[in-house]
């Protein structure tokens, strides 16, 4: 009897999802694959039409959100700076996330996704979304972390500090939340603070897109540090030798072992020919005319804006 009841519920759920899918598609209109228009006007209206299948509909809209974001990424790759989402024209990202979280106010993954990407598109909307996330999920410290991130990105360090402090007082909040509150006040605009921000996001998310993006930021910072280090070595070489080395391997061979060991311990990679490699394994580009190092043009390290 119980098995039959569950089968009936599943069939009803699938049937409902098909009806709703058709209704959602009707909202889009003909040619909406290329038209930037809202699927529906209100997640609350959709919630009322869901016949109790809130989670199913929220999942459906979340899937559409990820497909939309990923589709834009693939469409624009090679034509713009893929690390600058302000250039993506993500017109539907905010309403899609809003609809998802209005249907299911406890959809934390959607809120957190919005906190990472919406500040580049509409900062005030990002703040409102994060504040609504906190109101709907008051015991989740990660949402205070996200609000702090948004304020940090907008260089509103006092408000970022307060968000981290509030989050540090919630159940199961890690010790570093309180530490980040103090760091925001003392060194909010510091490069090391930025690294900490993205490291904590990377460590606390289960979303593969957010994890990949935050890792990309960390790798970009790492490559910047390595380039700065190599350029310092080149400047020292020129000062001591009166000219530029013939290649980066020639530079590496001339570097004192103690200095080289220190930076290798920090993660600098060298191939068998002693060519320095960026975090994605591409050899750094060396310009003998200017005696400087940069990322190779074919490197897949993303050039991020803040």
C-alpha atoms as a PDB file:
ATOM      1  CA  UNK A   1       0.000   0.000   0.000  1.00  0.00           C
ATOM      2  CA  UNK A   2       2.773   2.399   0.963  1.00  0.00           C
ATOM      3  CA  UNK A   3       4.658   1.575  -2.238  1.00  0.00           C
ATOM      4  CA  UNK A   4       1.583   2.314  -4.354  1.00  0.00           C
ATOM      5  CA  UNK A   5       1.080   5.603  -2.542  1.00  0.00           C
ATOM      6  CA  UNK A   6       4.677   6.677  -3.205  1.00  0.00           C
ATOM      7  CA  UNK A   7       4.376   5.730  -6.881  1.00  0.00           C
ATOM      8  CA  UNK A   8       1.228   7.829  -7.144  1.00  0.00           C
ATOM      9  CA  UNK A   9       2.961  10.784  -5.519  1.00  0.00           C
ATOM     10  CA  UNK A  10       5.944  10.494  -7.873  1.00  0.00           C
ATOM     11  CA  UNK A  11       3.690  10.288 -10.942  1.00  0.00           C
ATOM     12  CA  UNK A  12       1.722  13.297  -9.734  1.00  0.00           C
ATOM     13  CA  UNK A  13       4.965  15.194  -9.140  1.00  0.00           C
ATOM     14  CA  UNK A  14       6.310  14.417 -12.583  1.00  0.00           C
ATOM     15  CA  UNK A  15       3.018  15.353 -14.189  1.00  0.00           C
ATOM     16  CA  UNK A  16       2.931  18.608 -12.271  1.00  0.00           C
ATOM     17  CA  UNK A  17       6.491  19.419 -13.293  1.00  0.00           C
ATOM     18  CA  UNK A  18       5.594  18.860 -16.961  1.00  0.00           C
ATOM     19  CA  UNK A  19       2.581  21.179 -16.700  1.00  0.00           C
ATOM     20  CA  UNK A  20       4.641  23.797 -14.925  1.00  0.00           C
ATOM     21  CA  UNK A  21       7.463  23.421 -17.416  1.00  0.00           C
ATOM     22  CA  UNK A  22       5.025  24.128 -20.245  1.00  0.00           C
ATOM     23  CA  UNK A  23       3.609  27.093 -18.348  1.00  0.00           C
ATOM     24  CA  UNK A  24       7.103  28.460 -17.724  1.00  0.00           C
ATOM     25  CA  UNK A  25       8.018  28.014 -21.383  1.00  0.00           C
ATOM     26  CA  UNK A  26       4.872  29.872 -22.423  1.00  0.00           C
ATOM     27  CA  UNK A  27       6.023  32.824 -20.353  1.00  0.00           C
ATOM     28  CA  UNK A  28       9.189  32.988 -22.408  1.00  0.00           C
ATOM     29  CA  UNK A  29       7.479  33.425 -25.768  1.00  0.00           C
ATOM     30  CA  UNK A  30       8.677  32.504 -29.242  1.00  0.00           C
ATOM     31  CA  UNK A  31      12.351  33.098 -29.958  1.00  0.00           C
ATOM     32  CA  UNK A  32      13.283  33.478 -26.300  1.00  0.00           C
ATOM     33  CA  UNK A  33      16.481  31.483 -26.801  1.00  0.00           C
ATOM     34  CA  UNK A  34      18.044  34.720 -27.948  1.00  0.00           C
ATOM     35  CA  UNK A  35      15.722  37.220 -26.279  1.00  0.00           C
ATOM     36  CA  UNK A  36      16.819  38.542 -22.866  1.00  0.00           C
ATOM     37  CA  UNK A  37      13.410  38.422 -21.163  1.00  0.00           C
ATOM     38  CA  UNK A  38      12.080  37.161 -17.848  1.00  0.00           C
ATOM     39  CA  UNK A  39      10.681  33.659 -17.765  1.00  0.00           C
ATOM     40  CA  UNK A  40       8.041  34.636 -15.186  1.00  0.00           C
ATOM     41  CA  UNK A  41       7.461  37.823 -13.268  1.00  0.00           C
ATOM     42  CA  UNK A  42       7.419  36.501  -9.730  1.00  0.00           C
ATOM     43  CA  UNK A  43       8.771  33.535  -7.844  1.00  0.00           C
ATOM     44  CA  UNK A  44       5.970  34.007  -5.336  1.00  0.00           C
ATOM     45  CA  UNK A  45       3.398  33.527  -8.099  1.00  0.00           C
ATOM     46  CA  UNK A  46       5.244  30.452  -9.275  1.00  0.00           C
ATOM     47  CA  UNK A  47       5.315  29.130  -5.715  1.00  0.00           C
ATOM     48  CA  UNK A  48       1.529  29.423  -5.514  1.00  0.00           C
ATOM     49  CA  UNK A  49       1.230  27.517  -8.800  1.00  0.00           C
ATOM     50  CA  UNK A  50       3.615  24.760  -7.722  1.00  0.00           C
ATOM     51  CA  UNK A  51       0.940  22.725  -5.888  1.00  0.00           C
ATOM     52  CA  UNK A  52       3.326  22.098  -3.026  1.00  0.00           C
ATOM     53  CA  UNK A  53       6.270  21.000  -5.163  1.00  0.00           C
ATOM     54  CA  UNK A  54       8.350  24.008  -4.131  1.00  0.00           C
ATOM     55  CA  UNK A  55      11.635  22.115  -3.964  1.00  0.00           C
ATOM     56  CA  UNK A  56      11.162  20.559  -7.389  1.00  0.00           C
ATOM     57  CA  UNK A  57      10.399  23.909  -9.025  1.00  0.00           C
ATOM     58  CA  UNK A  58      13.264  25.639  -7.230  1.00  0.00           C
ATOM     59  CA  UNK A  59      15.612  22.918  -8.481  1.00  0.00           C
ATOM     60  CA  UNK A  60      14.297  23.415 -11.999  1.00  0.00           C
ATOM     61  CA  UNK A  61      14.927  27.153 -11.869  1.00  0.00           C
ATOM     62  CA  UNK A  62      18.325  26.677 -10.291  1.00  0.00           C
ATOM     63  CA  UNK A  63      19.246  24.339 -13.142  1.00  0.00           C
ATOM     64  CA  UNK A  64      18.141  27.014 -15.602  1.00  0.00           C
ATOM     65  CA  UNK A  65      20.252  29.576 -13.757  1.00  0.00           C
ATOM     66  CA  UNK A  66      23.372  27.431 -14.049  1.00  0.00           C
ATOM     67  CA  UNK A  67      22.629  26.660 -17.704  1.00  0.00           C
ATOM     68  CA  UNK A  68      22.166  30.361 -18.422  1.00  0.00           C
ATOM     69  CA  UNK A  69      25.413  31.302 -16.687  1.00  0.00           C
ATOM     70  CA  UNK A  70      27.378  28.475 -18.296  1.00  0.00           C
ATOM     71  CA  UNK A  71      25.910  29.216 -21.703  1.00  0.00           C
ATOM     72  CA  UNK A  72      27.005  32.835 -21.471  1.00  0.00           C
ATOM     73  CA  UNK A  73      30.486  31.740 -20.442  1.00  0.00           C
ATOM     74  CA  UNK A  74      30.851  29.455 -23.453  1.00  0.00           C
ATOM     75  CA  UNK A  75      29.290  31.971 -25.825  1.00  0.00           C
ATOM     76  CA  UNK A  76      31.671  34.775 -24.842  1.00  0.00           C
ATOM     77  CA  UNK A  77      34.882  32.817 -24.339  1.00  0.00           C
ATOM     78  CA  UNK A  78      37.629  34.233 -26.508  1.00  0.00           C
ATOM     79  CA  UNK A  79      35.758  37.451 -27.281  1.00  0.00           C
ATOM     80  CA  UNK A  80      35.952  39.250 -23.924  1.00  0.00           C
ATOM     81  CA  UNK A  81      37.737  39.014 -20.601  1.00  0.00           C
ATOM     82  CA  UNK A  82      35.953  35.975 -19.205  1.00  0.00           C
ATOM     83  CA  UNK A  83      36.969  37.052 -15.698  1.00  0.00           C
ATOM     84  CA  UNK A  84      34.934  40.251 -15.853  1.00  0.00           C
ATOM     85  CA  UNK A  85      31.267  39.296 -15.581  1.00  0.00           C
ATOM     86  CA  UNK A  86      30.223  42.931 -15.996  1.00  0.00           C
ATOM     87  CA  UNK A  87      30.894  42.385 -19.716  1.00  0.00           C
ATOM     88  CA  UNK A  88      28.732  39.269 -19.939  1.00  0.00           C
ATOM     89  CA  UNK A  89      25.392  41.154 -20.029  1.00  0.00           C
ATOM     90  CA  UNK A  90      23.856  38.690 -17.588  1.00  0.00           C
ATOM     91  CA  UNK A  91      20.446  40.324 -17.720  1.00  0.00           C
ATOM     92  CA  UNK A  92      18.607  37.265 -16.436  1.00  0.00           C
ATOM     93  CA  UNK A  93      20.953  36.231 -13.628  1.00  0.00           C
ATOM     94  CA  UNK A  94      19.396  38.361 -10.906  1.00  0.00           C
ATOM     95  CA  UNK A  95      15.746  37.526 -11.719  1.00  0.00           C
ATOM     96  CA  UNK A  96      16.528  33.823 -12.078  1.00  0.00           C
ATOM     97  CA  UNK A  97      18.195  33.735  -8.658  1.00  0.00           C
ATOM     98  CA  UNK A  98      15.383  35.827  -7.193  1.00  0.00           C
ATOM     99  CA  UNK A  99      12.738  33.454  -8.543  1.00  0.00           C
ATOM    100  CA  UNK A 100      14.635  30.405  -7.273  1.00  0.00           C
ATOM    101  CA  UNK A 101      14.919  31.826  -3.769  1.00  0.00           C
ATOM    102  CA  UNK A 102      11.356  33.146  -3.677  1.00  0.00           C
ATOM    103  CA  UNK A 103      10.082  29.675  -4.525  1.00  0.00           C
ATOM    104  CA  UNK A 104      12.401  28.169  -1.889  1.00  0.00           C
ATOM    105  CA  UNK A 105      13.690  30.766   0.622  1.00  0.00           C
ATOM    106  CA  UNK A 106      16.086  28.170   2.050  1.00  0.00           C
ATOM    107  CA  UNK A 107      17.954  27.613  -1.236  1.00  0.00           C
ATOM    108  CA  UNK A 108      21.309  28.677   0.215  1.00  0.00           C
ATOM    109  CA  UNK A 109      23.331  27.621  -2.845  1.00  0.00           C
ATOM    110  CA  UNK A 110      21.446  30.099  -5.021  1.00  0.00           C
ATOM    111  CA  UNK A 111      21.924  32.912  -2.516  1.00  0.00           C
ATOM    112  CA  UNK A 112      25.662  32.198  -2.299  1.00  0.00           C
ATOM    113  CA  UNK A 113      26.034  32.072  -6.072  1.00  0.00           C
ATOM    114  CA  UNK A 114      24.396  35.471  -6.292  1.00  0.00           C
ATOM    115  CA  UNK A 115      26.703  36.906  -3.646  1.00  0.00           C
ATOM    116  CA  UNK A 116      29.762  36.054  -5.744  1.00  0.00           C
ATOM    117  CA  UNK A 117      28.583  37.293  -9.144  1.00  0.00           C
ATOM    118  CA  UNK A 118      25.816  39.875  -8.668  1.00  0.00           C
ATOM    119  CA  UNK A 119      28.040  42.584  -7.100  1.00  0.00           C
ATOM    120  CA  UNK A 120      29.672  43.048 -10.522  1.00  0.00           C
ATOM    121  CA  UNK A 121      26.264  43.491 -12.159  1.00  0.00           C
ATOM    122  CA  UNK A 122      24.070  45.303  -9.645  1.00  0.00           C
ATOM    123  CA  UNK A 123      25.750  45.925  -6.260  1.00  0.00           C
ATOM    124  CA  UNK A 124      22.670  47.183  -4.425  1.00  0.00           C
ATOM    125  CA  UNK A 125      20.596  44.229  -5.631  1.00  0.00           C
ATOM    126  CA  UNK A 126      23.365  41.919  -4.442  1.00  0.00           C
ATOM    127  CA  UNK A 127      23.201  43.498  -0.988  1.00  0.00           C
ATOM    128  CA  UNK A 128      19.413  43.177  -0.849  1.00  0.00           C
ATOM    129  CA  UNK A 129      19.594  39.530  -1.931  1.00  0.00           C
ATOM    130  CA  UNK A 130      22.201  38.747   0.745  1.00  0.00           C
ATOM    131  CA  UNK A 131      20.147  40.517   3.402  1.00  0.00           C
ATOM    132  CA  UNK A 132      17.050  38.563   2.374  1.00  0.00           C
ATOM    133  CA  UNK A 133      19.102  35.367   2.518  1.00  0.00           C
ATOM    134  CA  UNK A 134      20.073  36.178   6.103  1.00  0.00           C
ATOM    135  CA  UNK A 135      16.479  37.010   7.038  1.00  0.00           C
ATOM    136  CA  UNK A 136      15.283  33.692   5.574  1.00  0.00           C
ATOM    137  CA  UNK A 137      18.167  31.671   7.057  1.00  0.00           C
ATOM    138  CA  UNK A 138      19.238  33.555  10.205  1.00  0.00           C
ATOM    139  CA  UNK A 139      21.410  30.789  11.663  1.00  0.00           C
ATOM    140  CA  UNK A 140      23.630  30.219   8.608  1.00  0.00           C
ATOM    141  CA  UNK A 141      26.902  32.077   9.239  1.00  0.00           C
ATOM    142  CA  UNK A 142      28.011  31.605   5.626  1.00  0.00           C
ATOM    143  CA  UNK A 143      25.405  34.121   4.493  1.00  0.00           C
ATOM    144  CA  UNK A 144      26.935  36.762   6.753  1.00  0.00           C
ATOM    145  CA  UNK A 145      30.273  35.825   5.191  1.00  0.00           C
ATOM    146  CA  UNK A 146      28.738  36.464   1.768  1.00  0.00           C
ATOM    147  CA  UNK A 147      27.347  39.840   2.831  1.00  0.00           C
ATOM    148  CA  UNK A 148      30.791  40.739   4.158  1.00  0.00           C
ATOM    149  CA  UNK A 149      32.294  39.747   0.813  1.00  0.00           C
ATOM    150  CA  UNK A 150      29.888  42.011  -1.072  1.00  0.00           C
ATOM    151  CA  UNK A 151      30.664  44.982   1.172  1.00  0.00           C
ATOM    152  CA  UNK A 152      34.401  44.252   0.823  1.00  0.00           C
ATOM    153  CA  UNK A 153      34.078  44.198  -2.955  1.00  0.00           C
ATOM    154  CA  UNK A 154      32.386  47.611  -2.788  1.00  0.00           C
ATOM    155  CA  UNK A 155      35.176  48.869  -0.497  1.00  0.00           C
ATOM    156  CA  UNK A 156      32.692  49.399   2.343  1.00  0.00           C
ATOM    157  CA  UNK A 157      35.017  47.901   4.907  1.00  0.00           C
ATOM    158  CA  UNK A 158      33.206  48.985   8.082  1.00  0.00           C
ATOM    159  CA  UNK A 159      30.023  47.280   6.919  1.00  0.00           C
ATOM    160  CA  UNK A 160      32.020  44.230   5.839  1.00  0.00           C
ATOM    161  CA  UNK A 161      33.560  44.068   9.303  1.00  0.00           C
ATOM    162  CA  UNK A 162      30.132  44.236  10.929  1.00  0.00           C
ATOM    163  CA  UNK A 163      28.798  41.426   8.725  1.00  0.00           C
ATOM    164  CA  UNK A 164      31.701  39.160   9.672  1.00  0.00           C
ATOM    165  CA  UNK A 165      31.266  40.050  13.329  1.00  0.00           C
ATOM    166  CA  UNK A 166      27.557  39.214  13.248  1.00  0.00           C
ATOM    167  CA  UNK A 167      28.323  35.937  11.508  1.00  0.00           C
ATOM    168  CA  UNK A 168      30.997  35.040  14.063  1.00  0.00           C
ATOM    169  CA  UNK A 169      28.311  35.006  16.764  1.00  0.00           C
ATOM    170  CA  UNK A 170      26.181  32.369  15.050  1.00  0.00           C
ATOM    171  CA  UNK A 171      26.216  28.640  15.877  1.00  0.00           C
ATOM    172  CA  UNK A 172      29.143  26.684  14.389  1.00  0.00           C
ATOM    173  CA  UNK A 173      30.804  29.822  12.967  1.00  0.00           C
ATOM    174  CA  UNK A 174      34.576  29.279  12.602  1.00  0.00           C
ATOM    175  CA  UNK A 175      37.065  31.382  14.536  1.00  0.00           C
ATOM    176  CA  UNK A 176      38.312  33.095  11.395  1.00  0.00           C
ATOM    177  CA  UNK A 177      34.992  34.923  10.979  1.00  0.00           C
ATOM    178  CA  UNK A 178      35.849  37.092  13.983  1.00  0.00           C
ATOM    179  CA  UNK A 179      39.405  37.475  12.694  1.00  0.00           C
ATOM    180  CA  UNK A 180      38.116  38.638   9.305  1.00  0.00           C
ATOM    181  CA  UNK A 181      36.011  41.263  11.061  1.00  0.00           C
ATOM    182  CA  UNK A 182      39.157  42.773  12.562  1.00  0.00           C
ATOM    183  CA  UNK A 183      41.108  42.444   9.301  1.00  0.00           C
ATOM    184  CA  UNK A 184      38.414  44.371   7.432  1.00  0.00           C
ATOM    185  CA  UNK A 185      38.844  47.340   9.749  1.00  0.00           C
ATOM    186  CA  UNK A 186      42.632  47.271   9.699  1.00  0.00           C
ATOM    187  CA  UNK A 187      43.476  46.130   6.155  1.00  0.00           C
ATOM    188  CA  UNK A 188      40.275  45.917   4.129  1.00  0.00           C
ATOM    189  CA  UNK A 189      41.896  47.063   0.901  1.00  0.00           C
ATOM    190  CA  UNK A 190      45.024  44.951   1.254  1.00  0.00           C
ATOM    191  CA  UNK A 191      45.945  42.323  -1.332  1.00  0.00           C
ATOM    192  CA  UNK A 192      46.445  39.674   1.347  1.00  0.00           C
ATOM    193  CA  UNK A 193      42.924  40.342   2.570  1.00  0.00           C
ATOM    194  CA  UNK A 194      41.618  39.629  -0.927  1.00  0.00           C
ATOM    195  CA  UNK A 195      43.425  36.300  -0.935  1.00  0.00           C
ATOM    196  CA  UNK A 196      41.872  35.401   2.398  1.00  0.00           C
ATOM    197  CA  UNK A 197      38.426  36.324   1.108  1.00  0.00           C
ATOM    198  CA  UNK A 198      38.590  33.978  -1.870  1.00  0.00           C
ATOM    199  CA  UNK A 199      40.317  31.233   0.107  1.00  0.00           C
ATOM    200  CA  UNK A 200      37.458  31.208   2.610  1.00  0.00           C
ATOM    201  CA  UNK A 201      34.870  31.174  -0.179  1.00  0.00           C
ATOM    202  CA  UNK A 202      36.699  28.264  -1.811  1.00  0.00           C
ATOM    203  CA  UNK A 203      36.760  26.352   1.468  1.00  0.00           C
ATOM    204  CA  UNK A 204      33.118  26.925   2.388  1.00  0.00           C
ATOM    205  CA  UNK A 205      31.243  26.325  -0.874  1.00  0.00           C
ATOM    206  CA  UNK A 206      30.004  23.102  -2.432  1.00  0.00           C
ATOM    207  CA  UNK A 207      28.956  24.799  -5.658  1.00  0.00           C
ATOM    208  CA  UNK A 208      31.373  23.745  -8.444  1.00  0.00           C
ATOM    209  CA  UNK A 209      31.074  27.058 -10.319  1.00  0.00           C
ATOM    210  CA  UNK A 210      31.732  29.131  -7.194  1.00  0.00           C
ATOM    211  CA  UNK A 211      34.589  26.828  -6.210  1.00  0.00           C
ATOM    212  CA  UNK A 212      36.145  27.044  -9.682  1.00  0.00           C
ATOM    213  CA  UNK A 213      35.787  30.828  -9.752  1.00  0.00           C
ATOM    214  CA  UNK A 214      37.308  31.374  -6.323  1.00  0.00           C
ATOM    215  CA  UNK A 215      40.157  28.985  -7.167  1.00  0.00           C
ATOM    216  CA  UNK A 216      40.702  30.931 -10.377  1.00  0.00           C
ATOM    217  CA  UNK A 217      41.025  34.121  -8.346  1.00  0.00           C
ATOM    218  CA  UNK A 218      43.545  32.511  -6.024  1.00  0.00           C
ATOM    219  CA  UNK A 219      45.589  31.194  -8.947  1.00  0.00           C
ATOM    220  CA  UNK A 220      45.518  34.631 -10.557  1.00  0.00           C
ATOM    221  CA  UNK A 221      46.852  36.204  -7.359  1.00  0.00           C
ATOM    222  CA  UNK A 222      49.509  33.498  -7.185  1.00  0.00           C
ATOM    223  CA  UNK A 223      50.659  34.143 -10.744  1.00  0.00           C
ATOM    224  CA  UNK A 224      50.822  37.880 -10.010  1.00  0.00           C
ATOM    225  CA  UNK A 225      53.058  37.163  -7.019  1.00  0.00           C
ATOM    226  CA  UNK A 226      55.293  34.903  -9.093  1.00  0.00           C
ATOM    227  CA  UNK A 227      55.580  37.472 -11.885  1.00  0.00           C
ATOM    228  CA  UNK A 228      56.506  40.160  -9.364  1.00  0.00           C
ATOM    229  CA  UNK A 229      59.130  37.839  -7.863  1.00  0.00           C
ATOM    230  CA  UNK A 230      60.646  36.986 -11.248  1.00  0.00           C
ATOM    231  CA  UNK A 231      60.724  40.644 -12.271  1.00  0.00           C
ATOM    232  CA  UNK A 232      62.547  41.491  -9.040  1.00  0.00           C
ATOM    233  CA  UNK A 233      65.093  38.791  -9.851  1.00  0.00           C
ATOM    234  CA  UNK A 234      65.521  40.246 -13.336  1.00  0.00           C
ATOM    235  CA  UNK A 235      66.009  43.758 -11.952  1.00  0.00           C
ATOM    236  CA  UNK A 236      68.650  42.480  -9.533  1.00  0.00           C
ATOM    237  CA  UNK A 237      70.369  40.569 -12.332  1.00  0.00           C
ATOM    238  CA  UNK A 238      70.529  43.676 -14.531  1.00  0.00           C
ATOM    239  CA  UNK A 239      71.920  45.726 -11.685  1.00  0.00           C
ATOM    240  CA  UNK A 240      74.625  43.177 -10.918  1.00  0.00           C
ATOM    241  CA  UNK A 241      75.471  42.029 -14.461  1.00  0.00           C
ATOM    242  CA  UNK A 242      74.757  45.190 -16.414  1.00  0.00           C
ATOM    243  CA  UNK A 243      72.372  43.431 -18.792  1.00  0.00           C
ATOM    244  CA  UNK A 244      69.469  41.035 -19.148  1.00  0.00           C
ATOM    245  CA  UNK A 245      69.872  37.228 -19.068  1.00  0.00           C
ATOM    246  CA  UNK A 246      69.363  35.371 -22.317  1.00  0.00           C
ATOM    247  CA  UNK A 247      66.411  33.407 -20.953  1.00  0.00           C
ATOM    248  CA  UNK A 248      64.492  32.648 -17.792  1.00  0.00           C
ATOM    249  CA  UNK A 249      66.352  29.347 -17.265  1.00  0.00           C
ATOM    250  CA  UNK A 250      69.598  31.353 -17.437  1.00  0.00           C
ATOM    251  CA  UNK A 251      68.188  33.659 -14.770  1.00  0.00           C
ATOM    252  CA  UNK A 252      67.175  30.744 -12.556  1.00  0.00           C
ATOM    253  CA  UNK A 253      70.665  29.234 -12.788  1.00  0.00           C
ATOM    254  CA  UNK A 254      72.128  32.535 -11.595  1.00  0.00           C
ATOM    255  CA  UNK A 255      69.786  32.885  -8.606  1.00  0.00           C
ATOM    256  CA  UNK A 256      71.224  32.001  -5.178  1.00  0.00           C
ATOM    257  CA  UNK A 257      69.898  28.631  -4.105  1.00  0.00           C
ATOM    258  CA  UNK A 258      68.555  29.985  -0.826  1.00  0.00           C
ATOM    259  CA  UNK A 259      66.419  32.552  -2.632  1.00  0.00           C
ATOM    260  CA  UNK A 260      65.167  30.011  -5.147  1.00  0.00           C
ATOM    261  CA  UNK A 261      64.383  27.459  -2.448  1.00  0.00           C
ATOM    262  CA  UNK A 262      62.289  29.963  -0.537  1.00  0.00           C
ATOM    263  CA  UNK A 263      60.070  30.696  -3.493  1.00  0.00           C
ATOM    264  CA  UNK A 264      59.852  27.062  -4.581  1.00  0.00           C
ATOM    265  CA  UNK A 265      58.580  26.297  -1.097  1.00  0.00           C
ATOM    266  CA  UNK A 266      55.917  28.946  -1.707  1.00  0.00           C
ATOM    267  CA  UNK A 267      54.794  27.029  -4.804  1.00  0.00           C
ATOM    268  CA  UNK A 268      56.816  28.253  -7.807  1.00  0.00           C
ATOM    269  CA  UNK A 269      56.929  25.462 -10.387  1.00  0.00           C
ATOM    270  CA  UNK A 270      59.864  24.830 -12.730  1.00  0.00           C
ATOM    271  CA  UNK A 271      59.971  22.332 -15.574  1.00  0.00           C
ATOM    272  CA  UNK A 272      62.983  20.153 -16.392  1.00  0.00           C
ATOM    273  CA  UNK A 273      64.572  23.004 -18.369  1.00  0.00           C
ATOM    274  CA  UNK A 274      64.196  25.311 -15.321  1.00  0.00           C
ATOM    275  CA  UNK A 275      61.501  27.329 -17.065  1.00  0.00           C
ATOM    276  CA  UNK A 276      59.103  28.899 -14.517  1.00  0.00           C
ATOM    277  CA  UNK A 277      55.503  27.793 -14.990  1.00  0.00           C
ATOM    278  CA  UNK A 278      52.315  29.558 -13.969  1.00  0.00           C
ATOM    279  CA  UNK A 279      49.742  27.745 -11.765  1.00  0.00           C
ATOM    280  CA  UNK A 280      48.111  26.234 -14.875  1.00  0.00           C
ATOM    281  CA  UNK A 281      51.419  24.866 -16.149  1.00  0.00           C
ATOM    282  CA  UNK A 282      52.115  27.415 -18.906  1.00  0.00           C
ATOM    283  CA  UNK A 283      55.624  28.825 -19.210  1.00  0.00           C
ATOM    284  CA  UNK A 284      55.842  32.491 -18.301  1.00  0.00           C
ATOM    285  CA  UNK A 285      56.561  34.824 -21.201  1.00  0.00           C
ATOM    286  CA  UNK A 286      59.962  36.552 -21.182  1.00  0.00           C
ATOM    287  CA  UNK A 287      60.530  39.801 -23.099  1.00  0.00           C
ATOM    288  CA  UNK A 288      64.280  40.282 -23.520  1.00  0.00           C
ATOM    289  CA  UNK A 289      63.807  43.803 -24.901  1.00  0.00           C
ATOM    290  CA  UNK A 290      62.197  45.069 -21.694  1.00  0.00           C
ATOM    291  CA  UNK A 291      63.706  42.382 -19.466  1.00  0.00           C
ATOM    292  CA  UNK A 292      60.329  41.588 -17.936  1.00  0.00           C
ATOM    293  CA  UNK A 293      58.087  38.589 -17.344  1.00  0.00           C
ATOM    294  CA  UNK A 294      54.343  38.287 -17.976  1.00  0.00           C
ATOM    295  CA  UNK A 295      51.694  35.631 -18.434  1.00  0.00           C
ATOM    296  CA  UNK A 296      51.908  33.858 -21.773  1.00  0.00           C
ATOM    297  CA  UNK A 297      49.252  34.933 -24.256  1.00  0.00           C
ATOM    298  CA  UNK A 298      47.929  31.360 -24.399  1.00  0.00           C
ATOM    299  CA  UNK A 299      47.868  30.907 -20.614  1.00  0.00           C
ATOM    300  CA  UNK A 300      44.491  29.922 -19.215  1.00  0.00           C
ATOM    301  CA  UNK A 301      45.024  31.956 -16.050  1.00  0.00           C
ATOM    302  CA  UNK A 302      42.118  34.408 -16.002  1.00  0.00           C
ATOM    303  CA  UNK A 303      42.933  38.106 -15.789  1.00  0.00           C
ATOM    304  CA  UNK A 304      40.478  39.176 -13.121  1.00  0.00           C
ATOM    305  CA  UNK A 305      39.208  42.532 -12.145  1.00  0.00           C
ATOM    306  CA  UNK A 306      38.730  43.032  -8.426  1.00  0.00           C
END
